[in-house]
Protein backbone atom coordinates (compact mmCIF):
# COMPACT_ATOMS: atom_id res chain seq x y z
CA UNK A 1 96.92 -48.60 61.25
CA UNK A 2 94.65 -48.41 58.26
CA UNK A 3 93.86 -51.40 56.05
CA UNK A 4 94.12 -49.50 52.76
CA UNK A 5 97.47 -49.66 51.00
CA UNK A 6 99.00 -47.55 48.26
CA UNK A 7 100.84 -49.64 45.67
CA UNK A 8 103.16 -47.71 43.35
CA UNK A 9 105.44 -48.41 40.38
CA UNK A 10 103.08 -51.05 39.01
CA UNK A 11 103.56 -52.28 35.45
CA UNK A 12 101.00 -50.71 33.12
CA UNK A 13 99.91 -54.19 32.00
CA UNK A 14 98.96 -55.31 35.52
CA UNK A 15 95.33 -56.19 36.14
CA UNK A 16 93.26 -55.92 39.31
CA UNK A 17 92.93 -59.73 39.39
CA UNK A 18 96.73 -60.18 39.23
CA UNK A 19 97.22 -57.64 42.01
CA UNK A 20 94.54 -59.30 44.14
CA UNK A 21 96.13 -62.71 43.62
CA UNK A 22 99.56 -61.39 44.58
CA UNK A 23 98.38 -59.61 47.74
CA UNK A 24 96.21 -62.54 48.83
CA UNK A 25 99.47 -64.21 49.88
CA UNK A 26 99.45 -61.80 52.84
CA UNK A 27 95.78 -62.31 53.76
CA UNK A 28 92.26 -61.48 52.67
CA UNK A 29 92.01 -58.76 50.03
CA UNK A 30 88.72 -56.88 50.31
CA UNK A 31 89.20 -54.52 47.34
CA UNK A 32 91.60 -53.56 44.57
CA UNK A 33 91.54 -50.40 42.48
CA UNK A 34 94.02 -49.62 39.70
CA UNK A 35 94.02 -45.95 38.82
CA UNK A 36 93.52 -45.15 35.14
CA UNK A 37 93.80 -41.97 33.10
CA UNK A 38 90.31 -40.62 32.37
CA UNK A 39 91.13 -39.50 28.85
CA UNK A 40 93.00 -42.56 27.60
CA UNK A 41 91.83 -45.34 29.92
CA UNK A 42 95.48 -46.38 30.32
CA UNK A 43 96.74 -47.44 33.74
CA UNK A 44 98.75 -44.80 35.58
CA UNK A 45 101.06 -47.28 37.31
CA UNK A 46 99.61 -47.16 40.81
CA UNK A 47 96.61 -48.36 42.72
CA UNK A 48 95.13 -49.25 46.07
CA UNK A 49 94.65 -52.57 47.82
CA UNK A 50 92.50 -52.93 50.90
CA UNK A 51 93.21 -55.80 53.27
CA UNK A 52 90.71 -57.29 55.74
CA UNK A 53 92.70 -56.36 58.87
CA UNK A 54 95.43 -53.96 59.90
CA UNK A 55 97.66 -56.95 60.69
CA UNK A 56 97.28 -58.30 57.16
CA UNK A 57 97.99 -54.83 55.74
CA UNK A 58 101.22 -54.64 57.77
CA UNK A 59 102.14 -58.14 56.62
CA UNK A 60 101.59 -57.12 52.99
CA UNK A 61 103.86 -54.08 53.45
CA UNK A 62 106.56 -56.28 54.97
CA UNK A 63 106.23 -58.90 52.23
CA UNK A 64 105.93 -56.73 49.12
CA UNK A 65 107.44 -53.26 49.62
CA UNK A 66 110.59 -53.10 47.50
CA UNK A 67 109.92 -56.50 45.94
CA UNK A 68 109.45 -57.53 42.32
CA UNK A 69 105.97 -57.69 40.80
CA UNK A 70 105.81 -58.53 37.08
CA UNK A 71 109.33 -57.22 36.51
CA UNK A 72 109.02 -53.96 38.50
CA UNK A 73 110.05 -53.10 42.04
CA UNK A 74 106.85 -51.94 43.71
CA UNK A 75 106.28 -49.54 46.59
CA UNK A 76 103.73 -50.57 49.21
CA UNK A 77 102.73 -48.38 52.14
CA UNK A 78 99.70 -47.18 54.05
CA UNK A 79 97.48 -45.04 51.85
CA UNK A 80 97.07 -41.45 52.98
CA UNK A 81 93.56 -40.07 53.23
CA UNK A 82 92.36 -38.48 50.02
CA UNK A 83 92.82 -34.74 50.07
CA UNK A 84 89.81 -32.66 49.15
CA UNK A 85 90.68 -30.43 46.21
CA UNK A 86 88.74 -27.33 45.29
CA UNK A 87 86.60 -27.78 42.21
CA UNK A 88 88.34 -25.08 40.20
CA UNK A 89 87.43 -25.21 36.54
CA UNK A 90 89.81 -22.44 35.61
CA UNK A 91 89.28 -18.84 34.75
CA UNK A 92 86.24 -18.55 32.51
CA UNK A 93 86.74 -14.95 31.48
CA UNK A 94 88.28 -15.51 28.11
CA UNK A 95 90.56 -17.47 25.88
CA UNK A 96 89.10 -18.90 22.75
CA UNK A 97 85.58 -17.64 22.41
CA UNK A 98 84.34 -14.60 20.59
CA UNK A 99 83.58 -11.81 22.99
CA UNK A 100 80.98 -9.16 22.32
CA UNK A 101 81.52 -5.99 24.26
């Protein structure tokens, strides 16, 4: 089992320190990352918590999945590996610029 956990349905007001404090009840938290929108900087409502051991990660899932955190029922499970996405910047052949033929 992996030590990195996906945490979903987080309140937008949650901070990384609050999340770390909450998950430290299950063991040693090695990292916390709340995902934010690049354009607005606003939290997207999910993040990742990495525990020190697989046993602590499993304990955190057992303790917190489906439980209340700051008024919201959160989802906690093992994070899937990040999928590589093609760097597609769209079709650059037109749309908006003046074209000289």
